[in-house]
Amino acid sequence: MAVLQILEYPDPILKQLSKEVTNFNSSLETFLKDFIETLNSHKYCVGLAAPQTGNLQRIIGIDISRARKPHLNNGLLILINPKILEVSDFKIVREGCLSIPDFTANVKRAMHIVVAYQNAKGEAKILSTKDFEAHAIQHEIDHLDGVLFLDKISNPASDLFRRVRY
């Protein structure tokens, strides 16, 4: 296994559209092992999208149990070809990103979502989740579409903040 390099803004790969995963094979399995190791190698990192590692496939990983504050969660989730089916209960929330390490921003997100996806074996799944986990999934799915949180803020003067390092 290996820790993959995280691309940082303004790398043009981060703005590209990712392709659907169609081959659920040993190559995918190897990438997923490295992908999970990469997620786990970053303290407090709760989500990662394959494009952040230079891999333009529709794969995200979420594990909000790694957050500084406890949240109800489903543990480590690997969502392949995720599609949001339902959204509700919108709020303005603060978010950050490994690919934009120096800033956080206020972004409008749904606090309840239903998402369809495939697992590592290609089996179809449905997940209903809320609060921080829903927020994190939306952030990572945006990466699959070449969207960064910078694209979602309407007023940088009031919504963009220099990240506080711990």
Protein backbone atom coordinates (compact mmCIF):
# COMPACT_ATOMS: atom_id res chain seq x y z
CA MET A 1 0.00 0.00 0.00
CA ALA A 2 1.04 3.58 -0.56
CA VAL A 3 0.01 7.07 0.45
CA LEU A 4 -1.04 8.91 -2.70
CA GLN A 5 -0.13 12.53 -3.41
CA ILE A 6 -2.94 15.05 -2.85
CA LEU A 7 -3.35 17.56 -5.67
CA GLU A 8 -3.83 21.17 -4.60
CA TYR A 9 -5.71 24.04 -6.19
CA PRO A 10 -5.14 25.33 -8.88
CA ASP A 11 -4.15 21.94 -10.36
CA PRO A 12 -6.34 21.62 -13.50
CA ILE A 13 -7.18 17.96 -12.77
CA LEU A 14 -9.33 19.17 -9.85
CA LYS A 15 -11.65 20.93 -12.32
CA GLN A 16 -12.21 17.91 -14.57
CA LEU A 17 -15.20 15.60 -14.72
CA SER A 18 -14.54 12.08 -13.41
CA LYS A 19 -15.49 8.93 -15.31
CA GLU A 20 -17.81 6.23 -14.05
CA VAL A 21 -16.13 3.09 -12.71
CA THR A 22 -17.03 0.11 -14.90
CA ASN A 23 -14.33 -2.43 -13.99
CA PHE A 24 -14.56 -3.85 -10.48
CA ASN A 25 -11.29 -5.77 -10.62
CA SER A 26 -7.96 -6.21 -8.84
CA SER A 27 -6.70 -2.87 -10.20
CA LEU A 28 -9.62 -1.12 -8.48
CA GLU A 29 -8.99 -3.12 -5.30
CA THR A 30 -5.33 -2.01 -5.26
CA PHE A 31 -6.29 1.63 -5.80
CA LEU A 32 -8.88 1.45 -3.00
CA LYS A 33 -6.28 0.15 -0.54
CA ASP A 34 -3.95 3.05 -1.37
CA PHE A 35 -6.90 5.48 -1.34
CA ILE A 36 -7.98 4.39 2.17
CA GLU A 37 -4.39 4.56 3.41
CA THR A 38 -4.17 8.09 2.01
CA LEU A 39 -7.38 9.15 3.75
CA ASN A 40 -6.15 7.68 7.03
CA SER A 41 -2.73 9.34 6.73
CA HIS A 42 -4.19 12.84 7.11
CA LYS A 43 -5.13 13.67 10.69
CA TYR A 44 -8.80 14.64 11.07
CA CYS A 45 -9.43 14.08 7.36
CA VAL A 46 -13.05 12.92 6.98
CA GLY A 47 -13.31 12.61 3.21
CA LEU A 48 -11.38 12.15 0.01
CA ALA A 49 -12.29 11.97 -3.68
CA ALA A 50 -10.28 10.04 -6.26
CA PRO A 51 -9.62 13.17 -8.40
CA GLN A 52 -7.74 14.68 -5.46
CA THR A 53 -5.19 11.90 -6.00
CA GLY A 54 -5.07 12.47 -9.77
CA ASN A 55 -7.40 9.53 -10.49
CA LEU A 56 -10.41 10.72 -12.49
CA GLN A 57 -12.78 7.95 -11.40
CA ARG A 58 -16.07 8.44 -9.55
CA ILE A 59 -14.87 7.20 -6.15
CA ILE A 60 -15.16 8.89 -2.77
CA GLY A 61 -14.23 7.84 0.74
CA ILE A 62 -15.91 9.21 3.87
CA ASP A 63 -15.17 8.50 7.52
CA ILE A 64 -16.49 11.22 9.80
CA SER A 65 -15.54 9.18 12.87
CA ARG A 66 -12.10 10.79 12.26
CA ALA A 67 -13.45 14.31 12.93
CA ARG A 68 -12.32 16.37 15.91
CA LYS A 69 -15.87 16.37 17.33
CA PRO A 70 -17.97 13.19 17.58
CA HIS A 71 -20.82 12.75 15.11
CA LEU A 72 -23.26 9.93 14.45
CA ASN A 73 -21.86 8.09 11.45
CA ASN A 74 -21.64 4.93 9.38
CA GLY A 75 -17.87 4.50 9.77
CA LEU A 76 -15.69 4.20 6.69
CA LEU A 77 -17.74 4.47 3.51
CA ILE A 78 -16.37 3.88 0.02
CA LEU A 79 -18.92 5.11 -2.51
CA ILE A 80 -18.30 4.28 -6.16
CA ASN A 81 -20.36 6.04 -8.83
CA PRO A 82 -22.39 7.92 -6.19
CA LYS A 83 -25.57 9.76 -7.22
CA ILE A 84 -27.58 11.92 -4.87
CA LEU A 85 -31.25 10.99 -5.14
CA GLU A 86 -32.81 13.24 -2.50
CA VAL A 87 -31.79 16.36 -0.57
CA SER A 88 -33.49 18.31 2.21
CA ASP A 89 -32.92 20.53 5.25
CA PHE A 90 -30.38 23.03 3.89
CA LYS A 91 -27.95 24.94 6.12
CA ILE A 92 -24.86 27.09 5.77
CA VAL A 93 -21.89 25.07 7.05
CA ARG A 94 -18.13 25.61 7.26
CA GLU A 95 -15.95 23.28 5.25
CA GLY A 96 -12.35 22.76 4.34
CA CYS A 97 -10.48 20.60 1.85
CA LEU A 98 -7.11 18.87 1.58
CA SER A 99 -6.80 20.34 -1.91
CA ILE A 100 -7.33 23.89 -0.61
CA PRO A 101 -5.24 23.65 2.56
CA ASP A 102 -5.07 27.32 3.49
CA PHE A 103 -8.78 28.21 3.52
CA THR A 104 -12.22 27.20 4.75
CA ALA A 105 -15.56 28.61 3.61
CA ASN A 106 -19.24 28.85 4.41
CA VAL A 107 -21.20 26.71 1.94
CA LYS A 108 -24.91 25.85 1.65
CA ARG A 109 -25.42 22.08 1.97
CA ALA A 110 -28.32 19.70 2.50
CA MET A 111 -28.32 18.19 5.98
CA HIS A 112 -30.24 15.10 4.83
CA ILE A 113 -29.46 13.16 1.65
CA VAL A 114 -30.21 9.84 0.05
CA VAL A 115 -27.41 8.58 -2.19
CA ALA A 116 -27.20 5.58 -4.54
CA TYR A 117 -23.76 4.06 -5.10
CA GLN A 118 -21.85 0.86 -5.74
CA ASN A 119 -19.54 -0.83 -3.27
CA ALA A 120 -16.10 -2.24 -4.13
CA LYS A 121 -17.72 -5.39 -5.52
CA GLY A 122 -20.00 -3.39 -7.82
CA GLU A 123 -23.13 -4.10 -5.78
CA ALA A 124 -25.80 -1.38 -5.84
CA LYS A 125 -26.49 0.27 -2.48
CA ILE A 126 -28.64 3.10 -1.10
CA LEU A 127 -27.64 5.22 1.90
CA SER A 128 -29.77 7.72 3.79
CA THR A 129 -27.68 9.97 6.01
CA LYS A 130 -27.81 13.34 7.69
CA ASP A 131 -25.89 16.17 9.28
CA PHE A 132 -22.08 16.16 8.98
CA GLU A 133 -21.91 12.86 7.08
CA ALA A 134 -24.38 14.18 4.46
CA HIS A 135 -22.38 17.39 4.25
CA ALA A 136 -19.08 15.50 3.72
CA ILE A 137 -20.56 13.23 1.03
CA GLN A 138 -21.82 16.24 -0.94
CA HIS A 139 -18.40 17.92 -0.73
CA GLU A 140 -16.65 14.81 -2.09
CA ILE A 141 -19.23 14.22 -4.84
CA ASP A 142 -18.62 17.81 -5.97
CA HIS A 143 -14.97 16.84 -6.56
CA LEU A 144 -16.15 14.16 -9.00
CA ASP A 145 -17.80 16.90 -11.04
CA GLY A 146 -14.80 19.25 -10.93
CA VAL A 147 -16.46 21.52 -8.37
CA LEU A 148 -14.53 22.96 -5.42
CA PHE A 149 -16.01 24.73 -2.41
CA LEU A 150 -14.53 27.94 -3.84
CA ASP A 151 -17.03 27.58 -6.70
CA LYS A 152 -19.95 27.51 -4.26
CA ILE A 153 -19.32 30.70 -2.31
CA SER A 154 -21.17 33.83 -3.36
CA ASN A 155 -19.17 36.42 -1.43
CA PRO A 156 -15.49 35.66 -0.74
CA ALA A 157 -15.20 38.68 1.55
CA SER A 158 -17.73 37.23 4.00
CA ASP A 159 -17.63 33.49 3.27
CA LEU A 160 -13.92 32.64 2.82
CA PHE A 161 -11.61 32.27 5.84
CA ARG A 162 -7.90 31.63 6.32
CA ARG A 163 -7.57 28.18 7.94
CA VAL A 164 -6.54 28.03 11.57
CA ARG A 165 -3.80 25.40 12.05
CA TYR A 166 -3.78 23.26 15.20
